[in-house]
Amino acid sequence: MLGETSRHRGHLMDLALDLALRSAGLRRSLPRGLTAPLADLVRAMNCYYSNLIEGHRTHPVDIERALRDDYSGNAAKRDLQLEARAHILVQRWIDGGGLAGRAVTVDGIREVHRRFCEELPEDFLWIGESAPRTRLVPGGLREHDVEVGRHLAVSPAAVPRFLERFAAAYGGLGRTETILAIAAAHHRLLWIHPFLDGNGRVARLVSHAVLLEALDTGALWSVARGLARNLGTYKGHLAACDRPRRNDLDGRGHLSEECLAEFTRFFLSTCIDQVSFMDSLMQPDRLRARILLWVEEEVRLGRLPPQAGGVLDAVLRQGTLERGQVPEITGTGDRQARRILAVLIDRGVLTSPSSRAAITLAVPASLASRFVPGLFPELPG
């Protein structure tokens, strides 16, 4: 970590405070009923971009289908869907508090890896392109030497000791110090490279969990999109942090404090950029205008009943909508009100856990480009 006397701390502390304020502001700006559906969408976004960093491209529409057990007939595409589904399931578990207080513990890190790998297709668990191949053990620490770029990771026998030191160094920090140390912890976990494969996904999921708890993000934004959009810079900083100390002014450890400070600045600035991006998309008035414009077009085309706009507007303003309110909003009887709800639920823009429960907004991936433009790449024509 950056030492308490580091000349870089002042500016980086300012960034950490700015990030905390912006993240809290984003969550406060949204009605409570909108946070869950938008967090679902961000979860798919995080999955898409985290996998993209690994060179695996699975469009969010295909991810959404996988969550409904609707898989491609193409074996390769199906495997990518299963990989994406695995990522979503682990992050959903994290967002639900499954890793609370344990994100940087050895058991917590291993559980993230285990949960992710247990959901992967069998072909993705075999490492190496030629015999003899090695099968990845979910949650199992590596038993082989690995080299990533120019970095020769610590020996397998040393991995448990380094992980224990990792947990001791980054666990138990105060909120501000945790935010300040997030980039260092992210780099260090990748530097240790505890698993034979899957380290990148695990490190980003762990970082997501740390930020979720330290900033109470509500899972409304993700750093993975920013890292993927600046992939060369991201990887360049990770490699630079492996460099030895340059001179007596470059910290007191074996590795360069200057490079660690630069990565921390990049990481925190990327987080701030992603919060600002999501804030611009999710402002209730702007979100409402985009959704209602879509409704108007669908009504004109005869694909939605004329009263649909009023129902969606009520959901957007209130966050949730009781079913008993729909007849009054639509000016119809109970039977017609139920039909209108059924159409909107079938289109994927409203959701409810049961036939009697309250209604909340949903944002299907197929409509993300209309409701939250720029969140995902456009579907190929």
Protein backbone atom coordinates (compact mmCIF):
# COMPACT_ATOMS: atom_id res chain seq x y z
CA MET A 1 0.00 0.00 0.00
CA LEU A 2 0.97 3.63 -0.29
CA GLY A 3 2.80 4.66 2.87
CA GLU A 4 1.30 7.22 5.23
CA THR A 5 4.11 9.66 4.34
CA SER A 6 3.77 9.15 0.59
CA ARG A 7 3.72 12.40 -1.36
CA HIS A 8 0.95 10.95 -3.52
CA ARG A 9 -1.61 10.47 -0.74
CA GLY A 10 -3.10 13.97 -0.75
CA HIS A 11 -4.33 13.94 -4.35
CA LEU A 12 -5.42 10.30 -4.15
CA MET A 13 -7.37 10.94 -0.95
CA ASP A 14 -9.20 13.72 -2.79
CA LEU A 15 -10.12 11.24 -5.53
CA ALA A 16 -11.30 8.69 -2.95
CA LEU A 17 -13.54 11.31 -1.30
CA ASP A 18 -14.89 12.46 -4.68
CA LEU A 19 -15.73 8.86 -5.58
CA ALA A 20 -17.55 8.30 -2.27
CA LEU A 21 -19.64 11.45 -2.70
CA ARG A 22 -20.56 10.76 -6.32
CA SER A 23 -21.46 7.12 -5.64
CA ALA A 24 -23.70 8.09 -2.72
CA GLY A 25 -25.32 10.82 -4.83
CA LEU A 26 -26.15 8.37 -7.60
CA ARG A 27 -27.90 6.00 -5.25
CA ARG A 28 -29.83 8.79 -3.50
CA SER A 29 -31.07 10.15 -6.83
CA LEU A 30 -33.06 7.01 -7.66
CA PRO A 31 -36.41 5.89 -6.24
CA ARG A 32 -35.94 2.74 -4.19
CA GLY A 33 -37.99 0.66 -6.59
CA LEU A 34 -35.65 1.45 -9.48
CA THR A 35 -32.40 0.36 -7.86
CA ALA A 36 -33.02 -3.40 -8.14
CA PRO A 37 -33.95 -3.52 -11.86
CA LEU A 38 -31.13 -1.16 -12.76
CA ALA A 39 -28.69 -3.20 -10.68
CA ASP A 40 -29.77 -6.28 -12.67
CA LEU A 41 -28.87 -4.45 -15.87
CA VAL A 42 -25.52 -3.29 -14.47
CA ARG A 43 -24.78 -6.88 -13.46
CA ALA A 44 -25.15 -7.97 -17.08
CA MET A 45 -23.00 -5.03 -18.15
CA ASN A 46 -20.28 -5.94 -15.66
CA CYS A 47 -20.35 -9.54 -16.88
CA TYR A 48 -20.10 -8.48 -20.52
CA TYR A 49 -17.13 -6.18 -20.02
CA SER A 50 -15.26 -8.39 -17.55
CA ASN A 51 -15.46 -11.30 -19.98
CA LEU A 52 -14.52 -8.99 -22.84
CA ILE A 53 -11.26 -8.21 -21.03
CA GLU A 54 -10.52 -11.93 -21.23
CA GLY A 55 -11.25 -11.93 -24.98
CA HIS A 56 -14.70 -13.53 -24.64
CA ARG A 57 -17.54 -11.59 -26.29
CA THR A 58 -21.07 -12.57 -25.28
CA HIS A 59 -23.70 -9.95 -26.02
CA PRO A 60 -26.04 -9.06 -23.11
CA VAL A 61 -29.04 -10.29 -25.10
CA ASP A 62 -27.41 -13.75 -25.18
CA ILE A 63 -26.56 -13.40 -21.49
CA GLU A 64 -30.21 -12.63 -20.74
CA ARG A 65 -31.27 -15.71 -22.71
CA ALA A 66 -28.83 -17.87 -20.76
CA LEU A 67 -30.42 -16.72 -17.51
CA ARG A 68 -33.70 -18.08 -18.88
CA ASP A 69 -31.94 -21.36 -19.82
CA ASP A 70 -32.31 -20.46 -23.49
CA TYR A 71 -29.01 -21.55 -25.03
CA SER A 72 -27.65 -21.42 -28.54
CA GLY A 73 -27.48 -24.57 -30.63
CA ASN A 74 -23.90 -23.61 -31.47
CA ALA A 75 -21.65 -25.36 -28.92
CA ALA A 76 -19.04 -22.58 -28.75
CA LYS A 77 -21.66 -19.88 -28.29
CA ARG A 78 -23.47 -21.98 -25.70
CA ASP A 79 -20.26 -22.35 -23.68
CA LEU A 80 -19.80 -18.57 -23.70
CA GLN A 81 -23.39 -18.18 -22.52
CA LEU A 82 -22.72 -20.61 -19.66
CA GLU A 83 -19.57 -18.67 -18.74
CA ALA A 84 -21.55 -15.42 -18.67
CA ARG A 85 -24.28 -17.05 -16.60
CA ALA A 86 -21.64 -18.20 -14.10
CA HIS A 87 -20.37 -14.63 -13.74
CA ILE A 88 -23.90 -13.26 -13.26
CA LEU A 89 -24.74 -15.85 -10.60
CA VAL A 90 -21.60 -15.08 -8.60
CA GLN A 91 -22.14 -11.33 -8.77
CA ARG A 92 -25.80 -11.74 -7.81
CA TRP A 93 -24.62 -13.67 -4.77
CA ILE A 94 -22.10 -10.91 -3.96
CA ASP A 95 -24.69 -8.15 -4.45
CA GLY A 96 -27.02 -10.02 -2.10
CA GLY A 97 -24.42 -9.85 0.68
CA GLY A 98 -22.89 -13.30 0.23
CA LEU A 99 -19.35 -11.95 0.53
CA ALA A 100 -20.03 -9.21 3.09
CA GLY A 101 -17.04 -8.76 5.40
CA ARG A 102 -15.08 -11.51 3.60
CA ALA A 103 -14.10 -9.99 0.25
CA VAL A 104 -10.35 -9.94 0.94
CA THR A 105 -10.18 -13.06 3.10
CA VAL A 106 -8.57 -16.23 1.79
CA ASP A 107 -11.83 -18.17 2.17
CA GLY A 108 -13.79 -15.43 0.45
CA ILE A 109 -11.46 -15.24 -2.54
CA ARG A 110 -11.44 -19.00 -2.92
CA GLU A 111 -15.24 -19.14 -2.68
CA VAL A 112 -15.60 -16.60 -5.50
CA HIS A 113 -13.37 -18.77 -7.68
CA ARG A 114 -15.18 -21.96 -6.66
CA ARG A 115 -18.64 -20.58 -7.34
CA PHE A 116 -17.60 -19.20 -10.71
CA CYS A 117 -15.79 -22.32 -11.91
CA GLU A 118 -18.45 -24.76 -10.72
CA GLU A 119 -20.88 -23.18 -13.19
CA LEU A 120 -18.49 -23.24 -16.16
CA PRO A 121 -18.85 -25.70 -19.04
CA GLU A 122 -16.47 -28.64 -18.79
CA ASP A 123 -14.35 -27.52 -21.75
CA PHE A 124 -13.54 -24.25 -19.96
CA LEU A 125 -12.04 -26.14 -17.01
CA TRP A 126 -9.22 -27.69 -19.02
CA ILE A 127 -6.05 -25.61 -19.29
CA GLY A 128 -3.57 -25.95 -22.12
CA GLU A 129 -3.87 -26.47 -25.85
CA SER A 130 -2.06 -29.80 -26.09
CA ALA A 131 -1.69 -32.92 -23.97
CA PRO A 132 -1.20 -33.29 -21.14
CA ARG A 133 -3.85 -30.73 -20.20
CA THR A 134 -4.61 -29.77 -16.61
CA ARG A 135 -8.13 -29.60 -15.19
CA LEU A 136 -8.89 -26.49 -13.17
CA VAL A 137 -10.09 -27.24 -9.64
CA PRO A 138 -12.82 -24.78 -8.55
CA GLY A 139 -11.49 -22.88 -5.54
CA GLY A 140 -8.23 -24.82 -5.63
CA LEU A 141 -4.95 -22.92 -5.36
CA ARG A 142 -2.57 -23.56 -8.22
CA GLU A 143 0.08 -26.26 -8.01
CA HIS A 144 2.07 -25.14 -11.04
CA ASP A 145 4.37 -22.25 -11.86
CA VAL A 146 2.86 -19.62 -14.17
CA GLU A 147 4.24 -16.71 -16.12
CA VAL A 148 1.98 -13.82 -17.17
CA GLY A 149 3.72 -11.59 -19.68
CA ARG A 150 7.04 -10.79 -18.07
CA HIS A 151 5.76 -11.54 -14.58
CA LEU A 152 6.73 -14.86 -13.02
CA ALA A 153 4.15 -15.38 -10.28
CA VAL A 154 5.17 -16.58 -6.83
CA SER A 155 5.84 -20.28 -6.51
CA PRO A 156 2.86 -22.54 -5.80
CA ALA A 157 4.19 -23.40 -2.35
CA ALA A 158 4.26 -19.69 -1.45
CA VAL A 159 0.71 -18.88 -2.61
CA PRO A 160 -1.03 -19.68 0.74
CA ARG A 161 1.46 -17.53 2.65
CA PHE A 162 1.06 -14.60 0.26
CA LEU A 163 -2.74 -14.84 0.41
CA GLU A 164 -2.66 -14.76 4.20
CA ARG A 165 -0.49 -11.66 4.03
CA PHE A 166 -2.90 -10.15 1.47
CA ALA A 167 -5.85 -10.70 3.82
CA ALA A 168 -3.95 -9.22 6.76
CA ALA A 169 -2.84 -6.15 4.81
CA TYR A 170 -6.17 -5.22 3.19
CA GLY A 171 -8.64 -6.51 5.78
CA GLY A 172 -9.80 -4.37 8.68
CA LEU A 173 -9.01 -1.03 7.04
CA GLY A 174 -11.23 1.98 7.56
CA ARG A 175 -13.60 3.04 4.81
CA THR A 176 -11.36 5.75 3.34
CA GLU A 177 -8.23 3.59 3.50
CA THR A 178 -10.12 0.73 1.85
CA ILE A 179 -11.09 2.96 -1.08
CA LEU A 180 -7.54 4.28 -1.32
CA ALA A 181 -6.11 0.74 -1.24
CA ILE A 182 -8.54 -0.86 -3.72
CA ALA A 183 -6.20 -0.50 -6.70
CA ALA A 184 -3.24 -1.85 -4.73
CA ALA A 185 -5.28 -4.85 -3.60
CA HIS A 186 -6.51 -5.43 -7.15
CA HIS A 187 -2.95 -5.46 -8.49
CA ARG A 188 -1.59 -7.54 -5.65
CA LEU A 189 -4.18 -10.29 -6.05
CA LEU A 190 -3.33 -10.55 -9.75
CA TRP A 191 0.38 -10.43 -8.86
CA ILE A 192 -0.02 -13.43 -6.52
CA HIS A 193 -2.04 -15.22 -9.24
CA PRO A 194 -3.48 -17.75 -6.77
CA PHE A 195 -5.38 -19.88 -9.31
CA LEU A 196 -4.30 -21.68 -12.43
CA ASP A 197 -6.93 -19.72 -14.39
CA GLY A 198 -9.77 -17.27 -13.69
CA ASN A 199 -7.65 -14.78 -11.72
CA GLY A 200 -8.79 -11.75 -13.73
CA ARG A 201 -12.49 -12.44 -13.23
CA VAL A 202 -11.95 -13.19 -9.54
CA ALA A 203 -9.94 -10.00 -8.99
CA ARG A 204 -12.60 -7.85 -10.64
CA LEU A 205 -15.40 -9.56 -8.71
CA VAL A 206 -13.49 -9.10 -5.46
CA SER A 207 -12.90 -5.42 -6.29
CA HIS A 208 -16.61 -5.07 -7.04
CA ALA A 209 -17.42 -6.61 -3.64
CA VAL A 210 -15.01 -4.29 -1.81
CA LEU A 211 -16.47 -1.20 -3.52
CA LEU A 212 -20.03 -2.46 -2.92
CA GLU A 213 -19.39 -2.61 0.82
CA ALA A 214 -17.10 0.39 1.28
CA LEU A 215 -19.23 2.76 -0.81
CA ASP A 216 -22.68 1.12 -0.47
CA THR A 217 -22.95 1.40 -4.25
CA GLY A 218 -26.22 -0.47 -4.53
CA ALA A 219 -24.50 -2.31 -7.41
CA LEU A 220 -25.53 0.60 -9.65
CA TRP A 221 -22.17 0.98 -11.36
CA SER A 222 -19.18 -1.16 -12.18
CA VAL A 223 -15.51 -0.43 -12.78
CA ALA A 224 -15.25 -3.31 -15.32
CA ARG A 225 -16.74 -1.22 -18.13
CA GLY A 226 -14.13 1.48 -17.64
CA LEU A 227 -11.28 -1.01 -17.46
CA ALA A 228 -12.44 -2.76 -20.64
CA ARG A 229 -12.75 0.53 -22.51
CA ASN A 230 -9.20 1.42 -21.50
CA LEU A 231 -7.78 -2.09 -21.72
CA GLY A 232 -4.30 -1.17 -22.95
CA THR A 233 -3.86 1.41 -20.20
CA TYR A 234 -5.24 -1.00 -17.59
CA LYS A 235 -2.83 -3.78 -18.55
CA GLY A 236 0.02 -1.31 -18.89
CA HIS A 237 -0.50 -0.07 -15.34
CA LEU A 238 -0.66 -3.63 -13.98
CA ALA A 239 2.64 -4.46 -15.67
CA ALA A 240 4.23 -1.20 -14.49
CA CYS A 241 3.31 -1.93 -10.87
CA ASP A 242 5.53 -5.02 -11.10
CA ARG A 243 8.58 -2.85 -11.75
CA PRO A 244 11.27 -2.59 -9.08
CA ARG A 245 11.76 0.57 -7.08
CA ARG A 246 13.48 3.21 -9.23
CA ASN A 247 15.40 5.23 -6.65
CA ASP A 248 15.34 6.49 -3.06
CA LEU A 249 12.39 8.75 -3.85
CA ASP A 250 10.26 5.86 -5.15
CA GLY A 251 8.90 4.53 -1.87
CA ARG A 252 10.49 2.09 0.56
CA GLY A 253 9.33 -1.31 -0.71
CA HIS A 254 10.78 -3.53 -3.42
CA LEU A 255 8.30 -2.37 -6.08
CA SER A 256 7.76 1.10 -7.51
CA GLU A 257 5.51 3.31 -5.37
CA GLU A 258 5.32 5.81 -8.23
CA CYS A 259 3.79 3.19 -10.52
CA LEU A 260 1.38 2.06 -7.80
CA ALA A 261 0.28 5.68 -7.29
CA GLU A 262 -0.29 6.08 -11.02
CA PHE A 263 -2.39 2.91 -11.13
CA THR A 264 -4.37 4.05 -8.08
CA ARG A 265 -5.04 7.37 -9.79
CA PHE A 266 -6.15 5.55 -12.94
CA PHE A 267 -8.36 3.09 -11.04
CA LEU A 268 -10.11 5.71 -8.90
CA SER A 269 -10.53 8.06 -11.87
CA THR A 270 -12.04 5.19 -13.85
CA CYS A 271 -14.48 4.50 -11.02
CA ILE A 272 -15.47 8.19 -10.91
CA ASP A 273 -15.95 8.22 -14.68
CA GLN A 274 -18.24 5.18 -14.49
CA VAL A 275 -20.32 6.68 -11.68
CA SER A 276 -20.70 9.88 -13.73
CA PHE A 277 -21.65 7.86 -16.80
CA MET A 278 -24.31 5.89 -14.94
CA ASP A 279 -25.59 9.05 -13.27
CA SER A 280 -26.11 10.65 -16.69
CA LEU A 281 -28.07 7.60 -17.87
CA MET A 282 -30.13 6.94 -14.78
CA GLN A 283 -31.41 10.39 -13.84
CA PRO A 284 -35.11 9.62 -13.26
CA ASP A 285 -36.42 12.40 -15.51
CA ARG A 286 -34.16 11.44 -18.42
CA LEU A 287 -34.83 7.73 -17.98
CA ARG A 288 -38.57 8.45 -17.85
CA ALA A 289 -38.44 10.53 -21.05
CA ARG A 290 -36.61 7.81 -22.99
CA ILE A 291 -38.96 5.06 -21.82
CA LEU A 292 -42.13 7.04 -22.49
CA LEU A 293 -40.88 7.95 -25.97
CA TRP A 294 -40.46 4.23 -26.66
CA VAL A 295 -43.97 3.59 -25.36
CA GLU A 296 -45.44 6.25 -27.66
CA GLU A 297 -43.78 4.62 -30.66
CA GLU A 298 -44.99 1.16 -29.68
CA VAL A 299 -48.55 2.42 -29.17
CA ARG A 300 -48.56 4.04 -32.61
CA LEU A 301 -47.37 0.76 -34.12
CA GLY A 302 -50.14 -1.13 -32.34
CA ARG A 303 -47.75 -3.21 -30.24
CA LEU A 304 -48.84 -1.74 -26.88
CA PRO A 305 -52.27 -0.64 -25.62
CA PRO A 306 -52.78 3.14 -25.36
CA GLN A 307 -52.90 3.03 -21.55
CA ALA A 308 -49.41 1.46 -21.28
CA GLY A 309 -47.71 4.84 -20.96
CA GLY A 310 -49.66 5.76 -17.86
CA VAL A 311 -48.75 2.51 -16.15
CA LEU A 312 -45.05 2.83 -16.90
CA ASP A 313 -45.07 6.50 -15.90
CA ALA A 314 -46.58 5.58 -12.53
CA VAL A 315 -43.93 2.89 -11.98
CA LEU A 316 -41.14 5.31 -12.86
CA ARG A 317 -42.47 7.99 -10.51
CA GLN A 318 -43.23 5.70 -7.57
CA GLY A 319 -40.62 3.00 -8.02
CA THR A 320 -43.20 0.26 -7.42
CA LEU A 321 -46.86 -0.06 -8.30
CA GLU A 322 -49.55 -2.05 -6.53
CA ARG A 323 -51.78 -4.00 -8.91
CA GLY A 324 -54.88 -2.47 -7.38
CA GLN A 325 -53.79 0.95 -8.63
CA VAL A 326 -53.77 -0.05 -12.30
CA PRO A 327 -57.54 0.22 -13.02
CA GLU A 328 -57.59 3.79 -11.71
CA ILE A 329 -54.45 4.76 -13.66
CA THR A 330 -55.72 3.27 -16.90
CA GLY A 331 -59.38 4.20 -16.49
CA THR A 332 -60.38 0.61 -17.21
CA GLY A 333 -61.95 -2.30 -15.41
CA ASP A 334 -59.98 -4.94 -13.53
CA ARG A 335 -59.94 -7.39 -16.42
CA GLN A 336 -58.60 -4.88 -18.94
CA ALA A 337 -56.07 -3.62 -16.38
CA ARG A 338 -54.76 -7.17 -15.97
CA ARG A 339 -54.42 -7.51 -19.75
CA ILE A 340 -52.41 -4.29 -19.97
CA LEU A 341 -50.08 -5.50 -17.21
CA ALA A 342 -49.73 -8.87 -18.92
CA VAL A 343 -48.65 -7.22 -22.18
CA LEU A 344 -46.05 -5.04 -20.43
CA ILE A 345 -44.70 -7.98 -18.45
CA ASP A 346 -44.57 -10.08 -21.61
CA ARG A 347 -42.58 -7.31 -23.34
CA GLY A 348 -40.10 -7.47 -20.44
CA VAL A 349 -40.47 -3.85 -19.26
CA LEU A 350 -42.34 -4.70 -16.07
CA THR A 351 -41.72 -7.54 -13.65
CA SER A 352 -43.28 -9.03 -10.55
CA PRO A 353 -42.32 -12.02 -8.39
CA SER A 354 -45.91 -13.32 -8.35
CA SER A 355 -49.36 -12.70 -9.77
CA ARG A 356 -50.32 -10.67 -6.70
CA ALA A 357 -47.08 -8.90 -5.83
CA ALA A 358 -46.26 -5.28 -6.66
CA ILE A 359 -44.96 -4.32 -10.10
CA THR A 360 -41.49 -2.89 -10.72
CA LEU A 361 -39.59 -1.71 -13.77
CA ALA A 362 -37.45 -4.12 -15.78
CA VAL A 363 -34.95 -3.22 -18.48
CA PRO A 364 -34.45 -6.08 -20.94
CA ALA A 365 -31.11 -6.16 -22.73
CA SER A 366 -32.92 -5.92 -26.06
CA LEU A 367 -34.17 -2.45 -25.08
CA ALA A 368 -31.07 -1.25 -23.24
CA SER A 369 -29.96 0.84 -26.22
CA ARG A 370 -33.25 2.78 -26.00
CA PHE A 371 -33.60 3.10 -22.24
CA VAL A 372 -29.92 3.46 -21.22
CA PRO A 373 -28.02 4.19 -24.46
CA GLY A 374 -24.28 3.51 -24.42
CA LEU A 375 -24.44 0.94 -21.65
CA PHE A 376 -23.93 -1.96 -24.05
CA PRO A 377 -22.62 -2.11 -27.61
CA GLU A 378 -25.23 -2.20 -30.31
CA LEU A 379 -26.34 -5.58 -31.61
CA PRO A 380 -24.77 -6.38 -34.97
CA GLY A 381 -27.10 -5.78 -37.87
